[in-house]
Amino acid sequence: MLIAVSSKSGTEVDQHFGHAERFLVYDYNGGAPELVREVAVEKYCSFDPDNPFRHRQFDAIAASLEGCTAVVTAMIGELPRQELNKLGIKSMVAQGPIVEALHAIHQALVAMGEK
């Protein structure tokens, strides 16, 4: 399954969804993770009290994550989490080494019936 990770370091899940300027997309099925692609994105977060949901930025991020079962991030706001869920992309919060996070997220997704 394809799982996107927000990571600044490239080794840790260490970035907030809204601050991510890239996502690392892994193919992970319980064995060794394989980095499939890295996608650059415009940051979702920008303070604008009149527009709490930034559709243009979110839509571009969502398009870049097409095919992903889940996104793993250090933190995510409720509105983007709900919007990802509507698109069939689970959002999960984790911190620490990417490999450990992928394993934990994979197990959780399999327990929920994802393949």
PDB file of N, CA and C in Angstrom:
ATOM      1  N   MET A   1       0.838  -1.173   0.000  1.00  0.00           N
ATOM      2  CA  MET A   1       0.000   0.000   0.000  1.00  0.00           C
ATOM      3  C   MET A   1       0.882   1.234   0.000  1.00  0.00           C
ATOM      4  N   LEU A   2       0.377   2.310  -0.585  1.00  0.00           N
ATOM      5  CA  LEU A   2       1.125   3.562  -0.630  1.00  0.00           C
ATOM      6  C   LEU A   2       0.785   4.414   0.586  1.00  0.00           C
ATOM      7  N   ILE A   3       1.825   4.862   1.275  1.00  0.00           N
ATOM      8  CA  ILE A   3       1.673   5.687   2.467  1.00  0.00           C
ATOM      9  C   ILE A   3       2.582   6.904   2.307  1.00  0.00           C
ATOM     10  N   ALA A   4       2.000   8.092   2.436  1.00  0.00           N
ATOM     11  CA  ALA A   4       2.767   9.336   2.333  1.00  0.00           C
ATOM     12  C   ALA A   4       3.209   9.768   3.727  1.00  0.00           C
ATOM     13  N   VAL A   5       4.398  10.329   3.808  1.00  0.00           N
ATOM     14  CA  VAL A   5       4.974  10.758   5.080  1.00  0.00           C
ATOM     15  C   VAL A   5       5.427  12.210   4.954  1.00  0.00           C
ATOM     16  N   SER A   6       5.042  13.031   5.942  1.00  0.00           N
ATOM     17  CA  SER A   6       5.570  14.398   5.973  1.00  0.00           C
ATOM     18  C   SER A   6       6.849  14.376   6.805  1.00  0.00           C
ATOM     19  N   SER A   7       7.950  14.696   6.137  1.00  0.00           N
ATOM     20  CA  SER A   7       9.253  14.623   6.801  1.00  0.00           C
ATOM     21  C   SER A   7      10.161  15.714   6.287  1.00  0.00           C
ATOM     22  N   LYS A   8      10.718  16.453   7.197  1.00  0.00           N
ATOM     23  CA  LYS A   8      11.718  17.461   6.826  1.00  0.00           C
ATOM     24  C   LYS A   8      13.093  16.808   6.725  1.00  0.00           C
ATOM     25  N   SER A   9      13.388  15.890   7.660  1.00  0.00           N
ATOM     26  CA  SER A   9      14.708  15.258   7.723  1.00  0.00           C
ATOM     27  C   SER A   9      14.909  14.159   6.685  1.00  0.00           C
ATOM     28  N   GLY A  10      13.814  13.513   6.277  1.00  0.00           N
ATOM     29  CA  GLY A  10      13.912  12.384   5.360  1.00  0.00           C
ATOM     30  C   GLY A  10      14.090  11.054   6.068  1.00  0.00           C
ATOM     31  N   THR A  11      14.249  11.089   7.391  1.00  0.00           N
ATOM     32  CA  THR A  11      14.402   9.853   8.163  1.00  0.00           C
ATOM     33  C   THR A  11      13.377   9.734   9.282  1.00  0.00           C
ATOM     34  N   GLU A  12      12.777  10.866   9.661  1.00  0.00           N
ATOM     35  CA  GLU A  12      11.825  10.911  10.777  1.00  0.00           C
ATOM     36  C   GLU A  12      10.487  11.476  10.297  1.00  0.00           C
ATOM     37  N   VAL A  13       9.414  11.058  10.961  1.00  0.00           N
ATOM     38  CA  VAL A  13       8.127  11.730  10.801  1.00  0.00           C
ATOM     39  C   VAL A  13       8.239  12.935  11.726  1.00  0.00           C
ATOM     40  N   ASP A  14       8.495  14.096  11.158  1.00  0.00           N
ATOM     41  CA  ASP A  14       8.851  15.248  11.975  1.00  0.00           C
ATOM     42  C   ASP A  14       8.262  16.565  11.483  1.00  0.00           C
ATOM     43  N   GLN A  15       7.181  16.483  10.713  1.00  0.00           N
ATOM     44  CA  GLN A  15       6.628  17.726  10.199  1.00  0.00           C
ATOM     45  C   GLN A  15       5.103  17.711  10.226  1.00  0.00           C
ATOM     46  N   HIS A  16       4.546  18.859  10.568  1.00  0.00           N
ATOM     47  CA  HIS A  16       3.107  19.096  10.581  1.00  0.00           C
ATOM     48  C   HIS A  16       2.607  19.057   9.135  1.00  0.00           C
ATOM     49  N   PHE A  17       1.434  18.482   8.913  1.00  0.00           N
ATOM     50  CA  PHE A  17       0.848  18.415   7.574  1.00  0.00           C
ATOM     51  C   PHE A  17       0.861  19.793   6.900  1.00  0.00           C
ATOM     52  N   GLY A  18       0.419  20.807   7.624  1.00  0.00           N
ATOM     53  CA  GLY A  18       0.313  22.138   7.040  1.00  0.00           C
ATOM     54  C   GLY A  18       1.623  22.833   6.764  1.00  0.00           C
ATOM     55  N   HIS A  19       2.711  22.345   7.363  1.00  0.00           N
ATOM     56  CA  HIS A  19       4.021  22.966   7.152  1.00  0.00           C
ATOM     57  C   HIS A  19       4.856  22.210   6.120  1.00  0.00           C
ATOM     58  N   ALA A  20       4.372  21.058   5.704  1.00  0.00           N
ATOM     59  CA  ALA A  20       5.143  20.222   4.781  1.00  0.00           C
ATOM     60  C   ALA A  20       5.302  20.894   3.418  1.00  0.00           C
ATOM     61  N   GLU A  21       6.517  20.844   2.921  1.00  0.00           N
ATOM     62  CA  GLU A  21       6.803  21.313   1.567  1.00  0.00           C
ATOM     63  C   GLU A  21       7.097  20.134   0.641  1.00  0.00           C
ATOM     64  N   ARG A  22       7.063  18.946   1.251  1.00  0.00           N
ATOM     65  CA  ARG A  22       7.218  17.721   0.460  1.00  0.00           C
ATOM     66  C   ARG A  22       6.611  16.562   1.240  1.00  0.00           C
ATOM     67  N   PHE A  23       6.232  15.536   0.499  1.00  0.00           N
ATOM     68  CA  PHE A  23       5.794  14.276   1.084  1.00  0.00           C
ATOM     69  C   PHE A  23       6.608  13.161   0.441  1.00  0.00           C
ATOM     70  N   LEU A  24       7.024  12.231   1.257  1.00  0.00           N
ATOM     71  CA  LEU A  24       7.713  11.039   0.777  1.00  0.00           C
ATOM     72  C   LEU A  24       6.673   9.944   0.682  1.00  0.00           C
ATOM     73  N   VAL A  25       6.545   9.325  -0.472  1.00  0.00           N
ATOM     74  CA  VAL A  25       5.533   8.290  -0.677  1.00  0.00           C
ATOM     75  C   VAL A  25       6.230   6.934  -0.734  1.00  0.00           C
ATOM     76  N   TYR A  26       5.833   6.080   0.200  1.00  0.00           N
ATOM     77  CA  TYR A  26       6.412   4.743   0.314  1.00  0.00           C
ATOM     78  C   TYR A  26       5.405   3.688  -0.076  1.00  0.00           C
ATOM     79  N   ASP A  27       5.901   2.617  -0.686  1.00  0.00           N
ATOM     80  CA  ASP A  27       5.130   1.403  -0.869  1.00  0.00           C
ATOM     81  C   ASP A  27       5.539   0.501   0.288  1.00  0.00           C
ATOM     82  N   TYR A  28       4.574   0.167   1.123  1.00  0.00           N
ATOM     83  CA  TYR A  28       4.887  -0.618   2.318  1.00  0.00           C
ATOM     84  C   TYR A  28       3.811  -1.664   2.530  1.00  0.00           C
ATOM     85  N   ASN A  29       4.257  -2.910   2.633  1.00  0.00           N
ATOM     86  CA  ASN A  29       3.336  -4.026   2.854  1.00  0.00           C
ATOM     87  C   ASN A  29       3.824  -4.926   3.978  1.00  0.00           C
ATOM     88  N   GLY A  30       4.553  -4.367   4.915  1.00  0.00           N
ATOM     89  CA  GLY A  30       5.006  -5.138   6.062  1.00  0.00           C
ATOM     90  C   GLY A  30       6.472  -5.520   6.010  1.00  0.00           C
ATOM     91  N   GLY A  31       7.092  -5.447   4.847  1.00  0.00           N
ATOM     92  CA  GLY A  31       8.509  -5.783   4.724  1.00  0.00           C
ATOM     93  C   GLY A  31       9.355  -4.524   4.749  1.00  0.00           C
ATOM     94  N   ALA A  32      10.299  -4.458   3.851  1.00  0.00           N
ATOM     95  CA  ALA A  32      11.147  -3.262   3.752  1.00  0.00           C
ATOM     96  C   ALA A  32      10.398  -2.189   2.961  1.00  0.00           C
ATOM     97  N   PRO A  33      10.322  -0.966   3.484  1.00  0.00           N
ATOM     98  CA  PRO A  33       9.628   0.090   2.745  1.00  0.00           C
ATOM     99  C   PRO A  33      10.419   0.502   1.507  1.00  0.00           C
ATOM    100  N   GLU A  34       9.685   0.814   0.457  1.00  0.00           N
ATOM    101  CA  GLU A  34      10.321   1.267  -0.783  1.00  0.00           C
ATOM    102  C   GLU A  34       9.845   2.683  -1.070  1.00  0.00           C
ATOM    103  N   LEU A  35      10.781   3.627  -1.147  1.00  0.00           N
ATOM    104  CA  LEU A  35      10.438   5.000  -1.497  1.00  0.00           C
ATOM    105  C   LEU A  35      10.060   5.024  -2.975  1.00  0.00           C
ATOM    106  N   VAL A  36       8.820   5.382  -3.257  1.00  0.00           N
ATOM    107  CA  VAL A  36       8.309   5.376  -4.624  1.00  0.00           C
ATOM    108  C   VAL A  36       8.509   6.739  -5.291  1.00  0.00           C
ATOM    109  N   ARG A  37       8.229   7.785  -4.517  1.00  0.00           N
ATOM    110  CA  ARG A  37       8.382   9.132  -5.075  1.00  0.00           C
ATOM    111  C   ARG A  37       8.428  10.150  -3.943  1.00  0.00           C
ATOM    112  N   GLU A  38       8.931  11.299  -4.284  1.00  0.00           N
ATOM    113  CA  GLU A  38       8.918  12.453  -3.402  1.00  0.00           C
ATOM    114  C   GLU A  38       8.162  13.541  -4.139  1.00  0.00           C
ATOM    115  N   VAL A  39       7.163  14.127  -3.487  1.00  0.00           N
ATOM    116  CA  VAL A  39       6.376  15.157  -4.145  1.00  0.00           C
ATOM    117  C   VAL A  39       6.536  16.479  -3.402  1.00  0.00           C
ATOM    118  N   ALA A  40       6.884  17.499  -4.155  1.00  0.00           N
ATOM    119  CA  ALA A  40       6.982  18.842  -3.593  1.00  0.00           C
ATOM    120  C   ALA A  40       5.599  19.468  -3.625  1.00  0.00           C
ATOM    121  N   VAL A  41       5.242  20.162  -2.546  1.00  0.00           N
ATOM    122  CA  VAL A  41       3.934  20.807  -2.446  1.00  0.00           C
ATOM    123  C   VAL A  41       4.095  22.214  -1.885  1.00  0.00           C
ATOM    124  N   GLU A  42       3.110  23.044  -2.144  1.00  0.00           N
ATOM    125  CA  GLU A  42       3.050  24.352  -1.494  1.00  0.00           C
ATOM    126  C   GLU A  42       2.491  24.140  -0.097  1.00  0.00           C
ATOM    127  N   LYS A  43       3.082  24.771   0.893  1.00  0.00           N
ATOM    128  CA  LYS A  43       2.616  24.609   2.264  1.00  0.00           C
ATOM    129  C   LYS A  43       1.131  24.938   2.363  1.00  0.00           C
ATOM    130  N   TYR A  44       0.414  24.102   3.100  1.00  0.00           N
ATOM    131  CA  TYR A  44      -1.014  24.317   3.305  1.00  0.00           C
ATOM    132  C   TYR A  44      -1.268  25.460   4.278  1.00  0.00           C
ATOM    133  N   CYS A  45      -0.499  25.541   5.338  1.00  0.00           N
ATOM    134  CA  CYS A  45      -0.732  26.557   6.381  1.00  0.00           C
ATOM    135  C   CYS A  45      -0.241  27.934   5.954  1.00  0.00           C
ATOM    136  N   SER A  46      -1.118  28.870   6.101  1.00  0.00           N
ATOM    137  CA  SER A  46      -0.785  30.286   5.973  1.00  0.00           C
ATOM    138  C   SER A  46      -1.893  31.006   6.717  1.00  0.00           C
ATOM    139  N   PHE A  47      -1.534  31.867   7.606  1.00  0.00           N
ATOM    140  CA  PHE A  47      -2.529  32.495   8.458  1.00  0.00           C
ATOM    141  C   PHE A  47      -3.442  33.392   7.634  1.00  0.00           C
ATOM    142  N   ASP A  48      -4.709  33.036   7.598  1.00  0.00           N
ATOM    143  CA  ASP A  48      -5.721  33.837   6.921  1.00  0.00           C
ATOM    144  C   ASP A  48      -7.045  33.598   7.637  1.00  0.00           C
ATOM    145  N   PRO A  49      -7.378  34.442   8.607  1.00  0.00           N
ATOM    146  CA  PRO A  49      -8.584  34.220   9.406  1.00  0.00           C
ATOM    147  C   PRO A  49      -9.874  34.248   8.592  1.00  0.00           C
ATOM    148  N   ASP A  50      -9.860  34.892   7.430  1.00  0.00           N
ATOM    149  CA  ASP A  50     -11.059  34.941   6.597  1.00  0.00           C
ATOM    150  C   ASP A  50     -11.251  33.673   5.774  1.00  0.00           C
ATOM    151  N   ASN A  51     -10.192  32.889   5.625  1.00  0.00           N
ATOM    152  CA  ASN A  51     -10.253  31.656   4.841  1.00  0.00           C
ATOM    153  C   ASN A  51      -9.553  30.534   5.591  1.00  0.00           C
ATOM    154  N   PRO A  52     -10.232  29.940   6.583  1.00  0.00           N
ATOM    155  CA  PRO A  52      -9.563  28.916   7.397  1.00  0.00           C
ATOM    156  C   PRO A  52      -9.218  27.648   6.612  1.00  0.00           C
ATOM    157  N   PHE A  53      -9.936  27.360   5.543  1.00  0.00           N
ATOM    158  CA  PHE A  53      -9.602  26.200   4.717  1.00  0.00           C
ATOM    159  C   PHE A  53      -9.092  26.708   3.381  1.00  0.00           C
ATOM    160  N   ARG A  54      -7.855  26.399   3.072  1.00  0.00           N
ATOM    161  CA  ARG A  54      -7.224  26.874   1.853  1.00  0.00           C
ATOM    162  C   ARG A  54      -7.370  25.818   0.752  1.00  0.00           C
ATOM    163  N   HIS A  55      -8.465  25.950   0.002  1.00  0.00           N
ATOM    164  CA  HIS A  55      -8.826  24.937  -0.999  1.00  0.00           C
ATOM    165  C   HIS A  55      -7.748  24.730  -2.051  1.00  0.00           C
ATOM    166  N   ARG A  56      -7.195  25.807  -2.563  1.00  0.00           N
ATOM    167  CA  ARG A  56      -6.214  25.669  -3.658  1.00  0.00           C
ATOM    168  C   ARG A  56      -5.020  24.847  -3.205  1.00  0.00           C
ATOM    169  N   GLN A  57      -4.462  25.176  -2.043  1.00  0.00           N
ATOM    170  CA  GLN A  57      -3.309  24.436  -1.540  1.00  0.00           C
ATOM    171  C   GLN A  57      -3.693  22.993  -1.211  1.00  0.00           C
ATOM    172  N   PHE A  58      -4.831  22.821  -0.542  1.00  0.00           N
ATOM    173  CA  PHE A  58      -5.248  21.473  -0.170  1.00  0.00           C
ATOM    174  C   PHE A  58      -5.480  20.616  -1.413  1.00  0.00           C
ATOM    175  N   ASP A  59      -6.191  21.157  -2.388  1.00  0.00           N
ATOM    176  CA  ASP A  59      -6.490  20.379  -3.602  1.00  0.00           C
ATOM    177  C   ASP A  59      -5.212  19.936  -4.314  1.00  0.00           C
ATOM    178  N   ALA A  60      -4.202  20.804  -4.346  1.00  0.00           N
ATOM    179  CA  ALA A  60      -2.933  20.444  -4.986  1.00  0.00           C
ATOM    180  C   ALA A  60      -2.225  19.342  -4.195  1.00  0.00           C
ATOM    181  N   ILE A  61      -2.257  19.440  -2.870  1.00  0.00           N
ATOM    182  CA  ILE A  61      -1.649  18.388  -2.038  1.00  0.00           C
ATOM    183  C   ILE A  61      -2.391  17.079  -2.240  1.00  0.00           C
ATOM    184  N   ALA A  62      -3.712  17.128  -2.199  1.00  0.00           N
ATOM    185  CA  ALA A  62      -4.514  15.913  -2.374  1.00  0.00           C
ATOM    186  C   ALA A  62      -4.226  15.257  -3.727  1.00  0.00           C
ATOM    187  N   ALA A  63      -4.098  16.054  -4.772  1.00  0.00           N
ATOM    188  CA  ALA A  63      -3.795  15.498  -6.099  1.00  0.00           C
ATOM    189  C   ALA A  63      -2.432  14.816  -6.102  1.00  0.00           C
ATOM    190  N   SER A  64      -1.471  15.391  -5.383  1.00  0.00           N
ATOM    191  CA  SER A  64      -0.131  14.797  -5.359  1.00  0.00           C
ATOM    192  C   SER A  64      -0.100  13.499  -4.556  1.00  0.00           C
ATOM    193  N   LEU A  65      -1.097  13.292  -3.687  1.00  0.00           N
ATOM    194  CA  LEU A  65      -1.148  12.087  -2.859  1.00  0.00           C
ATOM    195  C   LEU A  65      -2.095  11.033  -3.437  1.00  0.00           C
ATOM    196  N   GLU A  66      -2.550  11.235  -4.649  1.00  0.00           N
ATOM    197  CA  GLU A  66      -3.469  10.297  -5.281  1.00  0.00           C
ATOM    198  C   GLU A  66      -2.882   8.879  -5.247  1.00  0.00           C
ATOM    199  N   GLY A  67      -3.705   7.933  -4.879  1.00  0.00           N
ATOM    200  CA  GLY A  67      -3.288   6.543  -4.799  1.00  0.00           C
ATOM    201  C   GLY A  67      -2.811   6.134  -3.422  1.00  0.00           C
ATOM    202  N   CYS A  68      -2.609   7.105  -2.537  1.00  0.00           N
ATOM    203  CA  CYS A  68      -2.150   6.789  -1.177  1.00  0.00           C
ATOM    204  C   CYS A  68      -3.317   6.337  -0.309  1.00  0.00           C
ATOM    205  N   THR A  69      -3.067   5.339   0.493  1.00  0.00           N
ATOM    206  CA  THR A  69      -4.044   4.863   1.457  1.00  0.00           C
ATOM    207  C   THR A  69      -4.064   5.752   2.689  1.00  0.00           C
ATOM    208  N   ALA A  70      -2.890   6.283   3.049  1.00  0.00           N
ATOM    209  CA  ALA A  70      -2.774   7.077   4.270  1.00  0.00           C
ATOM    210  C   ALA A  70      -1.674   8.116   4.147  1.00  0.00           C
ATOM    211  N   VAL A  71      -1.776   9.109   5.035  1.00  0.00           N
ATOM    212  CA  VAL A  71      -0.740  10.116   5.222  1.00  0.00           C
ATOM    213  C   VAL A  71      -0.330  10.047   6.684  1.00  0.00           C
ATOM    214  N   VAL A  72       0.965   9.969   6.931  1.00  0.00           N
ATOM    215  CA  VAL A  72       1.505   9.966   8.286  1.00  0.00           C
ATOM    216  C   VAL A  72       2.205  11.299   8.495  1.00  0.00           C
ATOM    217  N   THR A  73       1.820  11.982   9.561  1.00  0.00           N
ATOM    218  CA  THR A  73       2.346  13.312   9.814  1.00  0.00           C
ATOM    219  C   THR A  73       2.503  13.530  11.313  1.00  0.00           C
ATOM    220  N   ALA A  74       3.357  14.476  11.688  1.00  0.00           N
ATOM    221  CA  ALA A  74       3.569  14.747  13.106  1.00  0.00           C
ATOM    222  C   ALA A  74       2.347  15.402  13.739  1.00  0.00           C
ATOM    223  N   MET A  75       1.552  16.106  12.934  1.00  0.00           N
ATOM    224  CA  MET A  75       0.338  16.754  13.418  1.00  0.00           C
ATOM    225  C   MET A  75      -0.493  17.149  12.212  1.00  0.00           C
ATOM    226  N   ILE A  76      -1.811  17.195  12.397  1.00  0.00           N
ATOM    227  CA  ILE A  76      -2.699  17.630  11.313  1.00  0.00           C
ATOM    228  C   ILE A  76      -3.925  18.275  11.941  1.00  0.00           C
ATOM    229  N   GLY A  77      -4.406  19.331  11.313  1.00  0.00           N
ATOM    230  CA  GLY A  77      -5.610  20.002  11.784  1.00  0.00           C
ATOM    231  C   GLY A  77      -6.845  19.185  11.460  1.00  0.00           C
ATOM    232  N   GLU A  78      -7.916  19.486  12.156  1.00  0.00           N
ATOM    233  CA  GLU A  78      -9.159  18.728  12.001  1.00  0.00           C
ATOM    234  C   GLU A  78      -9.756  18.880  10.601  1.00  0.00           C
ATOM    235  N   LEU A  79      -9.759  20.074  10.055  1.00  0.00           N
ATOM    236  CA  LEU A  79     -10.360  20.290   8.743  1.00  0.00           C
ATOM    237  C   LEU A  79      -9.623  19.546   7.627  1.00  0.00           C
ATOM    238  N   PRO A  80      -8.296  19.646   7.527  1.00  0.00           N
ATOM    239  CA  PRO A  80      -7.627  18.851   6.494  1.00  0.00           C
ATOM    240  C   PRO A  80      -7.777  17.344   6.731  1.00  0.00           C
ATOM    241  N   ARG A  81      -7.814  16.922   8.001  1.00  0.00           N
ATOM    242  CA  ARG A  81      -8.003  15.499   8.298  1.00  0.00           C
ATOM    243  C   ARG A  81      -9.346  15.023   7.754  1.00  0.00           C
ATOM    244  N   GLN A  82     -10.389  15.806   7.987  1.00  0.00           N
ATOM    245  CA  GLN A  82     -11.721  15.448   7.499  1.00  0.00           C
ATOM    246  C   GLN A  82     -11.769  15.412   5.975  1.00  0.00           C
ATOM    247  N   GLU A  83     -11.132  16.384   5.346  1.00  0.00           N
ATOM    248  CA  GLU A  83     -11.139  16.444   3.879  1.00  0.00           C
ATOM    249  C   GLU A  83     -10.368  15.278   3.262  1.00  0.00           C
ATOM    250  N   LEU A  84      -9.239  14.910   3.863  1.00  0.00           N
ATOM    251  CA  LEU A  84      -8.505  13.733   3.381  1.00  0.00           C
ATOM    252  C   LEU A  84      -9.359  12.490   3.523  1.00  0.00           C
ATOM    253  N   ASN A  85     -10.042  12.371   4.644  1.00  0.00           N
ATOM    254  CA  ASN A  85     -10.899  11.209   4.888  1.00  0.00           C
ATOM    255  C   ASN A  85     -11.996  11.099   3.826  1.00  0.00           C
ATOM    256  N   LYS A  86     -12.567  12.237   3.434  1.00  0.00           N
ATOM    257  CA  LYS A  86     -13.589  12.238   2.376  1.00  0.00           C
ATOM    258  C   LYS A  86     -13.026  11.686   1.064  1.00  0.00           C
ATOM    259  N   LEU A  87     -11.720  11.880   0.869  1.00  0.00           N
ATOM    260  CA  LEU A  87     -11.060  11.394  -0.351  1.00  0.00           C
ATOM    261  C   LEU A  87     -10.590   9.952  -0.222  1.00  0.00           C
ATOM    262  N   GLY A  88     -10.841   9.348   0.954  1.00  0.00           N
ATOM    263  CA  GLY A  88     -10.427   7.966   1.172  1.00  0.00           C
ATOM    264  C   GLY A  88      -8.994   7.829   1.637  1.00  0.00           C
ATOM    265  N   ILE A  89      -8.397   8.928   2.085  1.00  0.00           N
ATOM    266  CA  ILE A  89      -7.022   8.900   2.579  1.00  0.00           C
ATOM    267  C   ILE A  89      -7.059   9.051   4.096  1.00  0.00           C
ATOM    268  N   LYS A  90      -6.604   8.039   4.802  1.00  0.00           N
ATOM    269  CA  LYS A  90      -6.558   8.094   6.260  1.00  0.00           C
ATOM    270  C   LYS A  90      -5.392   8.988   6.673  1.00  0.00           C
ATOM    271  N   SER A  91      -5.591   9.781   7.712  1.00  0.00           N
ATOM    272  CA  SER A  91      -4.485  10.576   8.241  1.00  0.00           C
ATOM    273  C   SER A  91      -4.157  10.046   9.628  1.00  0.00           C
ATOM    274  N   MET A  92      -2.898   9.823   9.843  1.00  0.00           N
ATOM    275  CA  MET A  92      -2.439   9.267  11.102  1.00  0.00           C
ATOM    276  C   MET A  92      -1.293  10.126  11.633  1.00  0.00           C
ATOM    277  N   VAL A  93      -1.276  10.298  12.943  1.00  0.00           N
ATOM    278  CA  VAL A  93      -0.244  11.098  13.586  1.00  0.00           C
ATOM    279  C   VAL A  93       0.776  10.165  14.229  1.00  0.00           C
ATOM    280  N   ALA A  94       2.043  10.455  13.971  1.00  0.00           N
ATOM    281  CA  ALA A  94       3.144   9.673  14.546  1.00  0.00           C
ATOM    282  C   ALA A  94       4.371  10.572  14.600  1.00  0.00           C
ATOM    283  N   GLN A  95       5.327  10.167  15.374  1.00  0.00           N
ATOM    284  CA  GLN A  95       6.626  10.838  15.401  1.00  0.00           C
ATOM    285  C   GLN A  95       7.689   9.777  15.565  1.00  0.00           C
ATOM    286  N   GLY A  96       8.876  10.088  15.101  1.00  0.00           N
ATOM    287  CA  GLY A  96       9.974   9.142  15.212  1.00  0.00           C
ATOM    288  C   GLY A  96      10.407   8.639  13.858  1.00  0.00           C
ATOM    289  N   PRO A  97      11.218   7.574  13.854  1.00  0.00           N
ATOM    290  CA  PRO A  97      11.739   7.032  12.599  1.00  0.00           C
ATOM    291  C   PRO A  97      10.625   6.635  11.626  1.00  0.00           C
ATOM    292  N   ILE A  98      10.820   6.969  10.367  1.00  0.00           N
ATOM    293  CA  ILE A  98       9.820   6.667   9.340  1.00  0.00           C
ATOM    294  C   ILE A  98       9.522   5.175   9.283  1.00  0.00           C
ATOM    295  N   VAL A  99      10.545   4.342   9.319  1.00  0.00           N
ATOM    296  CA  VAL A  99      10.338   2.894   9.193  1.00  0.00           C
ATOM    297  C   VAL A  99       9.431   2.373  10.311  1.00  0.00           C
ATOM    298  N   GLU A 100       9.662   2.824  11.535  1.00  0.00           N
ATOM    299  CA  GLU A 100       8.823   2.393  12.655  1.00  0.00           C
ATOM    300  C   GLU A 100       7.391   2.903  12.494  1.00  0.00           C
ATOM    301  N   ALA A 101       7.243   4.137  12.044  1.00  0.00           N
ATOM    302  CA  ALA A 101       5.903   4.697  11.838  1.00  0.00           C
ATOM    303  C   ALA A 101       5.166   3.951  10.733  1.00  0.00           C
ATOM    304  N   LEU A 102       5.852   3.637   9.647  1.00  0.00           N
ATOM    305  CA  LEU A 102       5.219   2.888   8.560  1.00  0.00           C
ATOM    306  C   LEU A 102       4.722   1.535   9.054  1.00  0.00           C
ATOM    307  N   HIS A 103       5.533   0.862   9.846  1.00  0.00           N
ATOM    308  CA  HIS A 103       5.141  -0.447  10.376  1.00  0.00           C
ATOM    309  C   HIS A 103       3.885  -0.317  11.241  1.00  0.00           C
ATOM    310  N   ALA A 104       3.881   0.646  12.159  1.00  0.00           N
ATOM    311  CA  ALA A 104       2.730   0.827  13.058  1.00  0.00           C
ATOM    312  C   ALA A 104       1.477   1.213  12.280  1.00  0.00           C
ATOM    313  N   ILE A 105       1.620   2.107  11.314  1.00  0.00           N
ATOM    314  CA  ILE A 105       0.478   2.554  10.524  1.00  0.00           C
ATOM    315  C   ILE A 105      -0.036   1.411   9.663  1.00  0.00           C
ATOM    316  N   HIS A 106       0.846   0.656   9.071  1.00  0.00           N
ATOM    317  CA  HIS A 106       0.449  -0.490   8.257  1.00  0.00           C
ATOM    318  C   HIS A 106      -0.380  -1.456   9.087  1.00  0.00           C
ATOM    319  N   GLN A 107       0.093  -1.783  10.294  1.00  0.00           N
ATOM    320  CA  GLN A 107      -0.642  -2.706  11.153  1.00  0.00           C
ATOM    321  C   GLN A 107      -2.026  -2.149  11.486  1.00  0.00           C
ATOM    322  N   ALA A 108      -2.115  -0.856  11.770  1.00  0.00           N
ATOM    323  CA  ALA A 108      -3.408  -0.250  12.089  1.00  0.00           C
ATOM    324  C   ALA A 108      -4.342  -0.293  10.884  1.00  0.00           C
ATOM    325  N   LEU A 109      -3.818  -0.014   9.700  1.00  0.00           N
ATOM    326  CA  LEU A 109      -4.639  -0.030   8.503  1.00  0.00           C
ATOM    327  C   LEU A 109      -5.132  -1.438   8.180  1.00  0.00           C
ATOM    328  N   VAL A 110      -4.269  -2.420   8.328  1.00  0.00           N
ATOM    329  CA  VAL A 110      -4.668  -3.815   8.080  1.00  0.00           C
ATOM    330  C   VAL A 110      -5.757  -4.227   9.071  1.00  0.00           C
ATOM    331  N   ALA A 111      -5.605  -3.816  10.337  1.00  0.00           N
ATOM    332  CA  ALA A 111      -6.627  -4.125  11.343  1.00  0.00           C
ATOM    333  C   ALA A 111      -7.966  -3.475  10.999  1.00  0.00           C
ATOM    334  N   MET A 112      -7.929  -2.340  10.293  1.00  0.00           N
ATOM    335  CA  MET A 112      -9.162  -1.650   9.879  1.00  0.00           C
ATOM    336  C   MET A 112      -9.705  -2.216   8.571  1.00  0.00           C
ATOM    337  N   GLY A 113      -9.015  -3.192   7.998  1.00  0.00           N
ATOM    338  CA  GLY A 113      -9.489  -3.824   6.777  1.00  0.00           C
ATOM    339  C   GLY A 113      -8.936  -3.247   5.485  1.00  0.00           C
ATOM    340  N   GLU A 114      -7.947  -2.359   5.582  1.00  0.00           N
ATOM    341  CA  GLU A 114      -7.315  -1.807   4.377  1.00  0.00           C
ATOM    342  C   GLU A 114      -6.342  -2.832   3.812  1.00  0.00           C
ATOM    343  N   LYS A 115      -6.150  -2.776   2.510  1.00  0.00           N
ATOM    344  CA  LYS A 115      -5.212  -3.708   1.860  1.00  0.00           C
ATOM    345  C   LYS A 115      -4.148  -2.958   1.130  1.00  0.00           C
TER     346      LYS A 115
END
